[in-house]
C-alpha cells in the first residue's frame, strides 16, 4: 500500500473590501423558447464574517417579478461555495438586488440563477477581493532556557506573542497568535529546539486578511481549480 504525505489543507476564505455595482444579463436563443434573465446588483462588505452573505431586495416597479427573487438568492447561495478569486468559500458579502428586467416568455428561474452567477463573479472581482487566512492561538510549554529560541522561531512564522507565563517548575508557557499555514511541521521543529522536552497545543482564533505574498501564492496555486469551476 502506498502512502502519500502532503501538507494539510488550510481553510482560507474569500471576501470583499469595497462596493461594486454590476449587471448580469443572460440571454440565449436556440429556437423556440429562449432564456432570459437580467439582474442589477450591488455588492459590498456585510461586516459579518460568520455568514457567507446577506441578501437584500430593493426592486421597485416589478422590474424583476417577485417569483424570481428565490432564484436570484439560490444563484447567489451557489456562488458562496467557491469564490472567483481562488475557489475558497466566500464570507461577509451583502448582495442587493435593485433592478433588472425579464421577458414574459423566455424568462425562467434557471435564467435568473445564471444571470446572478454572472453578476456575482463580476461584482466580487470589482469590489477589492481578498483572501482571509485562519489564525490559531498557539500555546507552547518549554523549559526556561529554550524560550529565546522558541520566540525567535515564532517570529519567523509570522507569530504575534501574546504573553509568557513562567511556572514554578522551571518552565514557561508561551502564548502566540500564528497563521495556521505556518504551523505545519511545528512539532518536529519544537522537539529539535528543545531536545524533545517541549509540547504545544492550539485552537482556532479568527480570520485575518492574508499578506499580499501569501494571497498571490494561493491564487496562483489554485488557478486551475477556479478555471475548472467556471467550466
C-alpha atoms as a PDB file:
ATOM      1  CA  UNK A   1       0.000   0.000   0.000  1.00  0.00           C
ATOM      2  CA  UNK A   2       1.345   3.408  -0.979  1.00  0.00           C
ATOM      3  CA  UNK A   3       1.067   6.303   1.472  1.00  0.00           C
ATOM      4  CA  UNK A   4       1.254   9.859   0.218  1.00  0.00           C
ATOM      5  CA  UNK A   5       2.332  12.550   2.665  1.00  0.00           C
ATOM      6  CA  UNK A   6       1.266  16.120   1.980  1.00  0.00           C
ATOM      7  CA  UNK A   7       0.589  19.340   3.819  1.00  0.00           C
ATOM      8  CA  UNK A   8      -2.888  19.514   5.377  1.00  0.00           C
ATOM      9  CA  UNK A   9      -5.320  21.818   3.623  1.00  0.00           C
ATOM     10  CA  UNK A  10      -5.857  25.180   5.262  1.00  0.00           C
ATOM     11  CA  UNK A  11      -9.362  26.643   5.214  1.00  0.00           C
ATOM     12  CA  UNK A  12      -8.857  30.056   3.606  1.00  0.00           C
ATOM     13  CA  UNK A  13     -11.885  32.269   2.940  1.00  0.00           C
ATOM     14  CA  UNK A  14     -12.661  34.979   0.383  1.00  0.00           C
ATOM     15  CA  UNK A  15     -14.335  38.320   0.988  1.00  0.00           C
ATOM     16  CA  UNK A  16     -14.515  41.859  -0.403  1.00  0.00           C
ATOM     17  CA  UNK A  17     -13.426  45.238   0.989  1.00  0.00           C
ATOM     18  CA  UNK A  18     -15.219  47.724  -1.284  1.00  0.00           C
ATOM     19  CA  UNK A  19     -18.500  48.256  -3.116  1.00  0.00           C
ATOM     20  CA  UNK A  20     -19.405  47.399  -6.685  1.00  0.00           C
ATOM     21  CA  UNK A  21     -22.432  47.907  -8.901  1.00  0.00           C
ATOM     22  CA  UNK A  22     -22.884  45.472 -11.784  1.00  0.00           C
ATOM     23  CA  UNK A  23     -25.369  43.926 -14.187  1.00  0.00           C
ATOM     24  CA  UNK A  24     -25.652  40.270 -15.026  1.00  0.00           C
ATOM     25  CA  UNK A  25     -27.633  39.550 -18.175  1.00  0.00           C
ATOM     26  CA  UNK A  26     -28.157  36.047 -19.529  1.00  0.00           C
ATOM     27  CA  UNK A  27     -29.751  35.853 -22.963  1.00  0.00           C
ATOM     28  CA  UNK A  28     -29.824  32.752 -25.130  1.00  0.00           C
ATOM     29  CA  UNK A  29     -31.907  32.000 -28.183  1.00  0.00           C
ATOM     30  CA  UNK A  30     -31.820  28.496 -29.597  1.00  0.00           C
ATOM     31  CA  UNK A  31     -35.108  28.279 -31.478  1.00  0.00           C
ATOM     32  CA  UNK A  32     -38.448  28.124 -29.752  1.00  0.00           C
ATOM     33  CA  UNK A  33     -38.362  29.424 -26.212  1.00  0.00           C
ATOM     34  CA  UNK A  34     -35.142  31.162 -25.301  1.00  0.00           C
ATOM     35  CA  UNK A  35     -33.577  32.001 -21.955  1.00  0.00           C
ATOM     36  CA  UNK A  36     -33.574  35.488 -20.498  1.00  0.00           C
ATOM     37  CA  UNK A  37     -32.632  36.804 -17.080  1.00  0.00           C
ATOM     38  CA  UNK A  38     -31.291  40.227 -16.139  1.00  0.00           C
ATOM     39  CA  UNK A  39     -30.255  41.446 -12.689  1.00  0.00           C
ATOM     40  CA  UNK A  40     -28.636  44.629 -11.480  1.00  0.00           C
ATOM     41  CA  UNK A  41     -26.919  44.171  -8.138  1.00  0.00           C
ATOM     42  CA  UNK A  42     -24.692  45.925  -5.640  1.00  0.00           C
ATOM     43  CA  UNK A  43     -22.071  44.041  -3.657  1.00  0.00           C
ATOM     44  CA  UNK A  44     -20.405  45.345  -0.502  1.00  0.00           C
ATOM     45  CA  UNK A  45     -18.928  44.062   2.784  1.00  0.00           C
ATOM     46  CA  UNK A  46     -21.606  42.970   5.245  1.00  0.00           C
ATOM     47  CA  UNK A  47     -19.316  43.188   8.263  1.00  0.00           C
ATOM     48  CA  UNK A  48     -20.443  39.726   9.395  1.00  0.00           C
ATOM     49  CA  UNK A  49     -17.734  37.135   8.773  1.00  0.00           C
ATOM     50  CA  UNK A  50     -19.837  34.400  10.372  1.00  0.00           C
ATOM     51  CA  UNK A  51     -22.265  34.327   7.435  1.00  0.00           C
ATOM     52  CA  UNK A  52     -21.500  33.854   3.744  1.00  0.00           C
ATOM     53  CA  UNK A  53     -23.918  36.540   2.563  1.00  0.00           C
ATOM     54  CA  UNK A  54     -26.848  38.796   3.249  1.00  0.00           C
ATOM     55  CA  UNK A  55     -29.451  39.194   0.502  1.00  0.00           C
ATOM     56  CA  UNK A  56     -31.338  42.489   0.238  1.00  0.00           C
ATOM     57  CA  UNK A  57     -34.140  43.264  -2.232  1.00  0.00           C
ATOM     58  CA  UNK A  58     -34.778  46.853  -3.305  1.00  0.00           C
ATOM     59  CA  UNK A  59     -36.574  46.256  -6.587  1.00  0.00           C
ATOM     60  CA  UNK A  60     -39.382  48.710  -7.394  1.00  0.00           C
ATOM     61  CA  UNK A  61     -41.982  48.708 -10.111  1.00  0.00           C
ATOM     62  CA  UNK A  62     -41.809  44.987 -10.883  1.00  0.00           C
ATOM     63  CA  UNK A  63     -38.583  45.200 -12.915  1.00  0.00           C
ATOM     64  CA  UNK A  64     -37.858  41.703 -11.614  1.00  0.00           C
ATOM     65  CA  UNK A  65     -41.020  39.769 -10.732  1.00  0.00           C
ATOM     66  CA  UNK A  66     -41.223  38.561  -7.141  1.00  0.00           C
ATOM     67  CA  UNK A  67     -41.440  34.925  -8.216  1.00  0.00           C
ATOM     68  CA  UNK A  68     -37.819  35.168  -9.436  1.00  0.00           C
ATOM     69  CA  UNK A  69     -36.421  36.503  -6.154  1.00  0.00           C
ATOM     70  CA  UNK A  70     -35.849  32.959  -4.766  1.00  0.00           C
ATOM     71  CA  UNK A  71     -33.987  32.016  -7.952  1.00  0.00           C
ATOM     72  CA  UNK A  72     -31.698  35.024  -7.558  1.00  0.00           C
ATOM     73  CA  UNK A  73     -30.952  34.136  -3.952  1.00  0.00           C
ATOM     74  CA  UNK A  74     -30.396  30.491  -4.850  1.00  0.00           C
ATOM     75  CA  UNK A  75     -27.944  31.522  -7.559  1.00  0.00           C
ATOM     76  CA  UNK A  76     -26.202  33.732  -5.018  1.00  0.00           C
ATOM     77  CA  UNK A  77     -26.001  30.922  -2.473  1.00  0.00           C
ATOM     78  CA  UNK A  78     -24.469  28.594  -5.065  1.00  0.00           C
ATOM     79  CA  UNK A  79     -21.657  31.096  -5.615  1.00  0.00           C
ATOM     80  CA  UNK A  80     -20.628  31.033  -1.958  1.00  0.00           C
ATOM     81  CA  UNK A  81     -19.026  27.584  -2.025  1.00  0.00           C
ATOM     82  CA  UNK A  82     -16.177  28.585  -4.317  1.00  0.00           C
ATOM     83  CA  UNK A  83     -15.278  32.243  -4.801  1.00  0.00           C
ATOM     84  CA  UNK A  84     -13.881  33.606  -8.078  1.00  0.00           C
ATOM     85  CA  UNK A  85     -10.563  34.663  -6.528  1.00  0.00           C
ATOM     86  CA  UNK A  86      -9.100  31.284  -5.565  1.00  0.00           C
ATOM     87  CA  UNK A  87     -12.031  28.890  -5.256  1.00  0.00           C
ATOM     88  CA  UNK A  88     -12.365  29.190  -1.469  1.00  0.00           C
ATOM     89  CA  UNK A  89     -15.696  29.683   0.363  1.00  0.00           C
ATOM     90  CA  UNK A  90     -16.993  33.255   0.489  1.00  0.00           C
ATOM     91  CA  UNK A  91     -17.941  35.150   3.656  1.00  0.00           C
ATOM     92  CA  UNK A  92     -19.057  38.629   4.643  1.00  0.00           C
ATOM     93  CA  UNK A  93     -20.846  39.781   1.475  1.00  0.00           C
ATOM     94  CA  UNK A  94     -24.025  41.851   1.225  1.00  0.00           C
ATOM     95  CA  UNK A  95     -25.771  41.496  -2.136  1.00  0.00           C
ATOM     96  CA  UNK A  96     -28.540  43.910  -3.057  1.00  0.00           C
ATOM     97  CA  UNK A  97     -30.870  43.232  -5.981  1.00  0.00           C
ATOM     98  CA  UNK A  98     -32.195  46.632  -7.006  1.00  0.00           C
ATOM     99  CA  UNK A  99     -33.183  46.372 -10.686  1.00  0.00           C
ATOM    100  CA  UNK A 100     -33.224  44.193 -13.773  1.00  0.00           C
ATOM    101  CA  UNK A 101     -35.580  43.071 -16.486  1.00  0.00           C
ATOM    102  CA  UNK A 102     -37.436  40.000 -17.672  1.00  0.00           C
ATOM    103  CA  UNK A 103     -39.111  38.514 -20.727  1.00  0.00           C
ATOM    104  CA  UNK A 104     -42.719  37.299 -20.373  1.00  0.00           C
ATOM    105  CA  UNK A 105     -41.954  34.137 -22.375  1.00  0.00           C
ATOM    106  CA  UNK A 106     -38.219  33.460 -22.189  1.00  0.00           C
ATOM    107  CA  UNK A 107     -37.504  34.228 -18.533  1.00  0.00           C
ATOM    108  CA  UNK A 108     -37.132  31.314 -16.134  1.00  0.00           C
ATOM    109  CA  UNK A 109     -35.712  30.518 -12.725  1.00  0.00           C
ATOM    110  CA  UNK A 110     -32.643  28.953 -14.323  1.00  0.00           C
ATOM    111  CA  UNK A 111     -32.042  32.051 -16.450  1.00  0.00           C
ATOM    112  CA  UNK A 112     -32.147  34.298 -13.374  1.00  0.00           C
ATOM    113  CA  UNK A 113     -29.846  31.943 -11.465  1.00  0.00           C
ATOM    114  CA  UNK A 114     -27.346  32.095 -14.330  1.00  0.00           C
ATOM    115  CA  UNK A 115     -27.633  35.892 -14.525  1.00  0.00           C
ATOM    116  CA  UNK A 116     -26.930  36.057 -10.783  1.00  0.00           C
ATOM    117  CA  UNK A 117     -23.833  33.869 -11.195  1.00  0.00           C
ATOM    118  CA  UNK A 118     -22.575  36.301 -13.843  1.00  0.00           C
ATOM    119  CA  UNK A 119     -23.308  39.342 -11.689  1.00  0.00           C
ATOM    120  CA  UNK A 120     -21.633  37.848  -8.638  1.00  0.00           C
ATOM    121  CA  UNK A 121     -18.408  36.938 -10.395  1.00  0.00           C
ATOM    122  CA  UNK A 122     -18.137  40.394 -11.965  1.00  0.00           C
ATOM    123  CA  UNK A 123     -19.192  42.273  -8.832  1.00  0.00           C
ATOM    124  CA  UNK A 124     -16.968  40.296  -6.493  1.00  0.00           C
ATOM    125  CA  UNK A 125     -13.839  40.858  -8.566  1.00  0.00           C
ATOM    126  CA  UNK A 126     -14.608  44.602  -8.828  1.00  0.00           C
ATOM    127  CA  UNK A 127     -15.045  45.012  -5.061  1.00  0.00           C
ATOM    128  CA  UNK A 128     -11.400  44.573  -3.994  1.00  0.00           C
ATOM    129  CA  UNK A 129     -11.481  40.837  -3.208  1.00  0.00           C
ATOM    130  CA  UNK A 130      -9.052  39.455  -0.629  1.00  0.00           C
ATOM    131  CA  UNK A 131      -8.154  36.136   0.940  1.00  0.00           C
ATOM    132  CA  UNK A 132      -8.598  35.601   4.655  1.00  0.00           C
ATOM    133  CA  UNK A 133      -6.370  33.131   6.479  1.00  0.00           C
ATOM    134  CA  UNK A 134      -7.191  31.296   9.709  1.00  0.00           C
ATOM    135  CA  UNK A 135      -5.251  32.391  12.784  1.00  0.00           C
ATOM    136  CA  UNK A 136      -4.727  29.953  15.655  1.00  0.00           C
ATOM    137  CA  UNK A 137      -3.781  30.635  19.258  1.00  0.00           C
ATOM    138  CA  UNK A 138      -0.710  28.512  19.959  1.00  0.00           C
ATOM    139  CA  UNK A 139       0.398  27.568  23.474  1.00  0.00           C
ATOM    140  CA  UNK A 140       3.935  26.244  23.824  1.00  0.00           C
ATOM    141  CA  UNK A 141       5.301  24.814  27.079  1.00  0.00           C
ATOM    142  CA  UNK A 142       9.116  24.732  27.230  1.00  0.00           C
ATOM    143  CA  UNK A 143      11.943  24.812  29.737  1.00  0.00           C
ATOM    144  CA  UNK A 144      13.056  28.352  30.515  1.00  0.00           C
ATOM    145  CA  UNK A 145      16.392  28.006  28.688  1.00  0.00           C
ATOM    146  CA  UNK A 146      14.600  27.423  25.390  1.00  0.00           C
ATOM    147  CA  UNK A 147      12.231  30.404  25.432  1.00  0.00           C
ATOM    148  CA  UNK A 148      14.543  32.606  23.344  1.00  0.00           C
ATOM    149  CA  UNK A 149      14.831  30.011  20.567  1.00  0.00           C
ATOM    150  CA  UNK A 150      11.090  29.372  20.578  1.00  0.00           C
ATOM    151  CA  UNK A 151      10.273  33.099  20.460  1.00  0.00           C
ATOM    152  CA  UNK A 152      12.667  33.608  17.551  1.00  0.00           C
ATOM    153  CA  UNK A 153      11.081  30.725  15.646  1.00  0.00           C
ATOM    154  CA  UNK A 154       7.571  32.054  16.262  1.00  0.00           C
ATOM    155  CA  UNK A 155       8.606  35.426  14.811  1.00  0.00           C
ATOM    156  CA  UNK A 156       9.785  33.655  11.656  1.00  0.00           C
ATOM    157  CA  UNK A 157       6.345  32.045  11.439  1.00  0.00           C
ATOM    158  CA  UNK A 158       4.596  35.434  11.459  1.00  0.00           C
ATOM    159  CA  UNK A 159       3.560  34.812  15.047  1.00  0.00           C
ATOM    160  CA  UNK A 160       2.474  37.533  17.487  1.00  0.00           C
ATOM    161  CA  UNK A 161       3.442  36.680  21.036  1.00  0.00           C
ATOM    162  CA  UNK A 162       0.586  37.441  23.438  1.00  0.00           C
ATOM    163  CA  UNK A 163       2.305  36.562  26.683  1.00  0.00           C
ATOM    164  CA  UNK A 164       4.788  34.435  28.619  1.00  0.00           C
ATOM    165  CA  UNK A 165       3.767  32.760  31.863  1.00  0.00           C
ATOM    166  CA  UNK A 166       6.572  31.107  33.878  1.00  0.00           C
ATOM    167  CA  UNK A 167       5.617  28.467  36.430  1.00  0.00           C
ATOM    168  CA  UNK A 168       7.412  27.161  39.499  1.00  0.00           C
ATOM    169  CA  UNK A 169       8.940  24.160  37.730  1.00  0.00           C
ATOM    170  CA  UNK A 170      11.406  25.982  35.524  1.00  0.00           C
ATOM    171  CA  UNK A 171       9.107  26.011  32.504  1.00  0.00           C
ATOM    172  CA  UNK A 172       7.331  28.775  30.630  1.00  0.00           C
ATOM    173  CA  UNK A 173       4.090  28.770  28.665  1.00  0.00           C
ATOM    174  CA  UNK A 174       4.332  30.999  25.608  1.00  0.00           C
ATOM    175  CA  UNK A 175       1.053  32.053  24.020  1.00  0.00           C
ATOM    176  CA  UNK A 176       1.011  33.444  20.491  1.00  0.00           C
ATOM    177  CA  UNK A 177      -1.315  34.010  17.556  1.00  0.00           C
ATOM    178  CA  UNK A 178       0.082  32.293  14.462  1.00  0.00           C
ATOM    179  CA  UNK A 179      -1.308  31.786  10.934  1.00  0.00           C
ATOM    180  CA  UNK A 180      -2.403  28.178  10.550  1.00  0.00           C
ATOM    181  CA  UNK A 181      -0.328  27.811   7.393  1.00  0.00           C
ATOM    182  CA  UNK A 182       2.808  28.409   9.463  1.00  0.00           C
ATOM    183  CA  UNK A 183       2.411  25.592  11.994  1.00  0.00           C
ATOM    184  CA  UNK A 184       2.758  22.659   9.610  1.00  0.00           C
ATOM    185  CA  UNK A 185       5.658  20.568  10.907  1.00  0.00           C
ATOM    186  CA  UNK A 186       5.933  22.628  14.075  1.00  0.00           C
ATOM    187  CA  UNK A 187       6.067  19.584  16.345  1.00  0.00           C
ATOM    188  CA  UNK A 188       9.239  18.335  14.684  1.00  0.00           C
ATOM    189  CA  UNK A 189      10.919  21.743  14.909  1.00  0.00           C
ATOM    190  CA  UNK A 190       9.901  22.180  18.555  1.00  0.00           C
ATOM    191  CA  UNK A 191      11.310  18.789  19.530  1.00  0.00           C
ATOM    192  CA  UNK A 192      14.565  19.663  17.796  1.00  0.00           C
ATOM    193  CA  UNK A 193      14.848  23.047  19.538  1.00  0.00           C
ATOM    194  CA  UNK A 194      14.051  21.715  22.994  1.00  0.00           C
ATOM    195  CA  UNK A 195      15.689  18.303  22.978  1.00  0.00           C
ATOM    196  CA  UNK A 196      12.259  16.674  22.920  1.00  0.00           C
ATOM    197  CA  UNK A 197      11.064  18.392  26.099  1.00  0.00           C
ATOM    198  CA  UNK A 198       8.654  20.960  24.626  1.00  0.00           C
ATOM    199  CA  UNK A 199       4.984  20.440  23.871  1.00  0.00           C
ATOM    200  CA  UNK A 200       2.265  22.580  22.328  1.00  0.00           C
ATOM    201  CA  UNK A 201      -1.443  22.870  21.583  1.00  0.00           C
ATOM    202  CA  UNK A 202      -3.506  25.270  19.510  1.00  0.00           C
ATOM    203  CA  UNK A 203      -7.065  26.279  18.735  1.00  0.00           C
ATOM    204  CA  UNK A 204      -8.750  28.374  16.067  1.00  0.00           C
ATOM    205  CA  UNK A 205      -8.988  32.073  16.954  1.00  0.00           C
ATOM    206  CA  UNK A 206     -10.282  34.083  13.963  1.00  0.00           C
ATOM    207  CA  UNK A 207      -9.749  35.014  10.323  1.00  0.00           C
ATOM    208  CA  UNK A 208      -7.487  37.850   9.183  1.00  0.00           C
ATOM    209  CA  UNK A 209      -6.564  39.243   5.802  1.00  0.00           C
ATOM    210  CA  UNK A 210      -3.586  37.322   4.464  1.00  0.00           C
ATOM    211  CA  UNK A 211      -0.448  39.245   3.405  1.00  0.00           C
ATOM    212  CA  UNK A 212      -0.101  40.028  -0.291  1.00  0.00           C
ATOM    213  CA  UNK A 213       2.590  37.400  -0.897  1.00  0.00           C
ATOM    214  CA  UNK A 214       0.503  34.660   0.746  1.00  0.00           C
ATOM    215  CA  UNK A 215      -2.551  35.660  -1.305  1.00  0.00           C
ATOM    216  CA  UNK A 216      -0.535  35.651  -4.526  1.00  0.00           C
ATOM    217  CA  UNK A 217       0.818  32.170  -3.808  1.00  0.00           C
ATOM    218  CA  UNK A 218      -2.633  30.765  -3.042  1.00  0.00           C
ATOM    219  CA  UNK A 219      -4.264  32.361  -6.094  1.00  0.00           C
ATOM    220  CA  UNK A 220      -1.576  31.027  -8.395  1.00  0.00           C
ATOM    221  CA  UNK A 221      -1.671  27.559  -6.837  1.00  0.00           C
ATOM    222  CA  UNK A 222      -5.453  27.311  -7.231  1.00  0.00           C
ATOM    223  CA  UNK A 223      -5.814  28.911 -10.668  1.00  0.00           C
ATOM    224  CA  UNK A 224      -6.613  25.524 -12.196  1.00  0.00           C
ATOM    225  CA  UNK A 225      -9.396  24.893  -9.678  1.00  0.00           C
ATOM    226  CA  UNK A 226     -11.008  28.263 -10.384  1.00  0.00           C
ATOM    227  CA  UNK A 227     -10.824  27.519 -14.109  1.00  0.00           C
ATOM    228  CA  UNK A 228     -12.484  24.123 -13.666  1.00  0.00           C
ATOM    229  CA  UNK A 229     -15.246  25.579 -11.518  1.00  0.00           C
ATOM    230  CA  UNK A 230     -16.098  28.056 -14.253  1.00  0.00           C
ATOM    231  CA  UNK A 231     -16.416  25.398 -16.941  1.00  0.00           C
END
